[in-house]
Protein backbone atom coordinates (compact mmCIF):
# COMPACT_ATOMS: atom_id res chain seq x y z
CA MET A 1 -3.29 14.21 21.16
CA GLY A 2 -5.21 13.54 24.24
CA LYS A 3 -5.22 10.40 25.94
CA LEU A 4 -8.38 9.28 24.92
CA GLU A 5 -7.30 9.44 21.30
CA ILE A 6 -4.40 7.88 21.97
CA ASN A 7 -6.17 4.86 23.37
CA LYS A 8 -8.99 4.81 20.38
CA ARG A 9 -6.17 4.64 17.86
CA GLN A 10 -4.24 1.96 19.91
CA LYS A 11 -7.38 -0.04 19.73
CA LYS A 12 -7.88 0.22 16.25
CA SER A 13 -4.49 -0.68 15.57
CA ALA A 14 -4.46 -3.60 17.35
CA LEU A 15 -8.14 -4.75 15.36
CA PHE A 16 -5.92 -3.82 11.99
CA GLN A 17 -2.57 -6.21 13.52
CA THR A 18 -4.44 -9.05 14.67
CA ALA A 19 -7.00 -9.27 11.60
CA PHE A 20 -3.97 -9.16 9.83
CA ASP A 21 -2.32 -12.15 11.31
CA LEU A 22 -5.48 -14.23 11.20
CA PHE A 23 -6.50 -13.01 7.14
CA THR A 24 -3.23 -14.13 6.19
CA ASN A 25 -3.09 -17.65 8.50
CA LYS A 26 -6.17 -18.66 8.52
CA GLY A 27 -7.78 -16.92 5.69
CA PHE A 28 -10.62 -14.50 5.21
CA ALA A 29 -13.29 -16.85 4.84
CA LYS A 30 -12.79 -18.65 7.70
CA THR A 31 -12.02 -15.61 10.07
CA THR A 32 -14.84 -14.57 12.22
CA ILE A 33 -15.43 -11.23 13.39
CA SER A 34 -15.24 -13.10 17.04
CA ASP A 35 -12.13 -14.42 16.38
CA ILE A 36 -11.01 -11.04 15.59
CA VAL A 37 -12.07 -9.32 18.96
CA ASN A 38 -11.19 -12.24 20.88
CA GLN A 39 -7.54 -12.78 19.66
CA ALA A 40 -7.50 -8.52 20.28
CA GLY A 41 -8.46 -8.83 23.45
CA LEU A 42 -11.01 -6.16 22.87
CA ALA A 43 -15.29 -6.47 23.55
CA LYS A 44 -16.69 -7.06 20.11
CA GLY A 45 -18.74 -3.51 20.41
CA THR A 46 -15.22 -2.16 19.68
CA PHE A 47 -15.23 -3.77 16.72
CA TYR A 48 -18.28 -2.02 15.59
CA LEU A 49 -16.90 1.53 16.21
CA TYR A 50 -14.38 1.25 13.70
CA PHE A 51 -15.74 -0.85 11.13
CA LYS A 52 -19.30 -1.89 9.32
CA ASP A 53 -18.63 -5.53 9.29
CA LYS A 54 -15.75 -7.92 8.20
CA TYR A 55 -15.29 -6.81 4.32
CA ASP A 56 -15.00 -3.10 5.46
CA LEU A 57 -12.30 -3.96 7.87
CA ARG A 58 -10.62 -6.16 5.36
CA ASP A 59 -11.24 -2.96 2.56
CA LYS A 60 -9.40 -0.68 5.45
CA LEU A 61 -6.84 -2.85 6.31
CA ILE A 62 -5.61 -3.32 2.57
CA ALA A 63 -5.66 1.03 2.42
CA TYR A 64 -3.62 0.50 5.83
CA LYS A 65 -1.04 -1.60 5.10
CA ALA A 66 -0.41 -0.45 1.74
CA GLY A 67 -0.75 3.10 3.15
CA GLN A 68 2.48 1.95 5.34
CA LEU A 69 4.44 0.90 3.08
CA PHE A 70 4.38 3.95 0.64
CA ALA A 71 5.10 5.95 3.53
CA ASP A 72 8.31 3.88 4.55
CA ALA A 73 8.91 4.06 0.91
CA HIS A 74 8.45 7.98 1.15
CA LYS A 75 10.57 8.26 4.20
CA ALA A 76 13.67 6.45 3.05
CA LEU A 77 13.46 7.93 -0.34
CA ALA A 78 14.29 11.30 1.87
CA ALA A 79 16.95 10.28 3.57
CA ARG A 80 18.57 9.44 0.06
CA GLU A 81 19.71 12.65 -2.94
CA ILE A 82 17.60 10.96 -5.83
CA THR A 83 16.85 14.19 -8.02
CA GLY A 84 14.39 14.01 -10.64
CA PHE A 85 10.59 12.57 -10.27
CA GLU A 86 10.98 9.89 -12.66
CA ASN A 87 14.15 9.01 -10.50
CA GLN A 88 12.31 8.93 -7.42
CA MET A 89 9.10 7.56 -8.74
CA MET A 90 11.58 4.31 -9.79
CA TRP A 91 13.40 4.14 -6.79
CA MET A 92 10.21 3.98 -4.52
CA MET A 93 9.01 1.35 -6.64
CA ASP A 94 12.08 -0.56 -6.43
CA TYR A 95 12.00 -0.27 -2.36
CA ILE A 96 8.50 -1.91 -2.40
CA ILE A 97 9.39 -4.86 -4.60
CA GLU A 98 12.15 -5.83 -2.47
CA ARG A 99 10.05 -5.30 0.60
CA PHE A 100 7.65 -7.88 -1.40
CA GLN A 101 10.45 -10.09 -2.04
CA LYS A 102 10.95 -9.95 1.81
CA GLU A 103 7.78 -10.04 3.05
CA HIS A 104 5.68 -12.75 1.17
CA THR A 105 2.35 -12.45 3.20
CA LEU A 106 2.45 -8.95 2.61
CA LEU A 107 2.71 -9.39 -1.10
CA GLN A 108 0.19 -11.71 -0.59
CA PHE A 109 -2.18 -9.69 0.92
CA ILE A 110 -1.78 -6.12 -0.54
CA ALA A 111 -0.89 -7.06 -4.13
CA LYS A 112 -4.17 -9.64 -4.71
CA ASN A 113 -6.29 -7.56 -2.84
CA LEU A 114 -5.83 -3.82 -3.91
CA SER A 115 -7.62 -1.92 -6.27
CA TRP A 116 -8.31 1.48 -7.22
CA GLY A 117 -11.53 1.79 -5.79
CA ILE A 118 -10.18 0.58 -2.22
CA PHE A 119 -7.10 2.68 -2.27
CA LYS A 120 -8.85 5.72 -3.25
CA ASN A 121 -11.59 5.71 -1.00
CA ALA A 122 -10.20 4.29 2.03
CA PHE A 123 -6.90 5.34 1.92
CA ALA A 124 -6.94 9.25 3.05
CA ARG A 125 -9.15 7.95 6.04
CA THR A 126 -7.36 4.66 7.23
CA VAL A 127 -3.83 5.11 7.10
CA PRO A 128 -1.53 6.22 9.74
CA GLU A 129 -1.18 9.98 10.10
CA GLU A 130 2.62 10.09 8.68
CA SER A 131 0.98 8.50 5.43
CA GLN A 132 -2.18 10.24 4.60
CA LYS A 133 -0.50 12.44 2.73
CA PHE A 134 1.06 9.90 -0.02
CA TYR A 135 -1.09 11.33 -2.78
CA GLU A 136 0.06 14.89 -1.64
CA TYR A 137 3.78 13.70 -2.06
CA TYR A 138 3.62 12.18 -5.10
CA LEU A 139 1.95 15.32 -7.02
CA GLU A 140 4.99 17.39 -4.82
CA MET A 141 7.51 15.16 -6.09
CA MET A 142 6.50 15.68 -9.63
CA LYS A 143 5.96 19.74 -8.92
CA LYS A 144 9.55 20.28 -7.93
CA SER A 145 10.77 18.19 -10.61
CA ALA A 146 8.72 20.45 -13.18
CA VAL A 147 7.21 17.85 -14.59
CA THR A 148 3.64 18.40 -16.09
CA CYS A 149 0.66 15.54 -16.05
CA GLU A 150 -2.24 16.31 -17.07
CA GLU A 151 -3.73 13.05 -15.27
CA PRO A 152 -1.60 12.47 -12.23
CA GLU A 153 -4.00 9.86 -10.58
CA LEU A 154 -4.72 7.82 -13.67
CA MET A 155 -0.43 7.71 -13.79
CA LEU A 156 -0.33 6.52 -10.58
CA PHE A 157 -3.25 3.72 -11.02
CA THR A 158 -1.43 2.73 -13.85
CA PHE A 159 1.88 2.18 -11.82
CA ILE A 160 -0.02 0.43 -8.79
CA GLU A 161 -1.83 -1.60 -11.13
CA LEU A 162 1.78 -2.79 -13.06
CA VAL A 163 3.90 -3.35 -10.53
CA GLY A 164 1.29 -5.01 -7.91
CA SER A 165 0.18 -7.87 -11.24
CA THR A 166 3.49 -8.48 -12.19
CA CYS A 167 5.30 -8.71 -8.80
CA TYR A 168 2.52 -10.95 -7.06
CA ASN A 169 3.13 -13.78 -9.78
CA CYS A 170 6.74 -13.36 -10.57
CA ILE A 171 8.03 -13.29 -6.94
CA LEU A 172 5.47 -15.38 -5.97
CA PHE A 173 5.66 -18.42 -8.41
CA GLU A 174 8.54 -16.99 -10.74
CA GLN A 175 6.23 -16.96 -13.39
CA PRO A 176 6.83 -16.12 -16.15
CA VAL A 177 10.08 -15.51 -14.86
CA THR A 178 12.04 -14.62 -11.77
CA MET A 179 11.53 -10.66 -10.32
CA ASP A 180 15.33 -10.45 -10.96
CA LYS A 181 14.72 -11.24 -14.69
CA TYR A 182 11.40 -9.20 -15.05
CA LEU A 183 12.84 -6.23 -13.21
CA PRO A 184 14.84 -4.29 -16.32
CA TYR A 185 11.72 -4.71 -18.44
CA LEU A 186 9.70 -3.60 -15.55
CA HIS A 187 11.70 -0.55 -15.46
CA LYS A 188 11.27 0.08 -19.40
CA ALA A 189 7.80 -0.56 -19.43
CA ILE A 190 7.42 2.35 -15.88
CA HIS A 191 9.66 4.45 -18.34
CA GLN A 192 7.16 4.46 -21.36
CA ILE A 193 4.34 4.78 -18.77
CA PHE A 194 5.95 8.39 -18.06
CA LEU A 195 6.75 9.44 -21.09
CA ALA A 196 3.28 8.67 -22.19
CA TYR A 197 1.83 10.59 -19.21
CA THR A 198 4.07 13.57 -18.50
CA THR A 199 5.64 16.03 -20.61
CA SER A 200 8.59 18.47 -18.83
């Protein structure tokens, strides 16, 4: 990777991190592009090299943060001897839930804002290099376990929507119950989703 490319990635990363801090502390509506570039120590023109506007930045930041989280989960999974596609996906979801329990700011930002459209359209273009192929990892795990799924994308969408929405309320508000109390039921629901979408 050339020096110019490294510099570009560092600037984009600085914009992402600064925007995340401002969006989660000050609020999206109250944060301006000037706030972001000033805090990042960059020129306003630099912002427009990477993003069309504040909304484009938010959408790409959501996918970027989600991509980092999925990559972390996959990396942690690779260090363990867990076999079987369902077991592997269940472990990764538990990893993500534990991270959400420890990092409420991340949960509030990702779970509240992540939609399938943002995930699908922005994911591959915005996440770090090591996590660009999360969907490919997902398909590869399925293939290695000899699991057949006619709609893998739809199944992943269901997992993301279910885990994101239920975790948000259980972790932040303990509604309708705490996350610890809800988790066994979430596992059962995930198992039923596997049964509905797959054959082996």
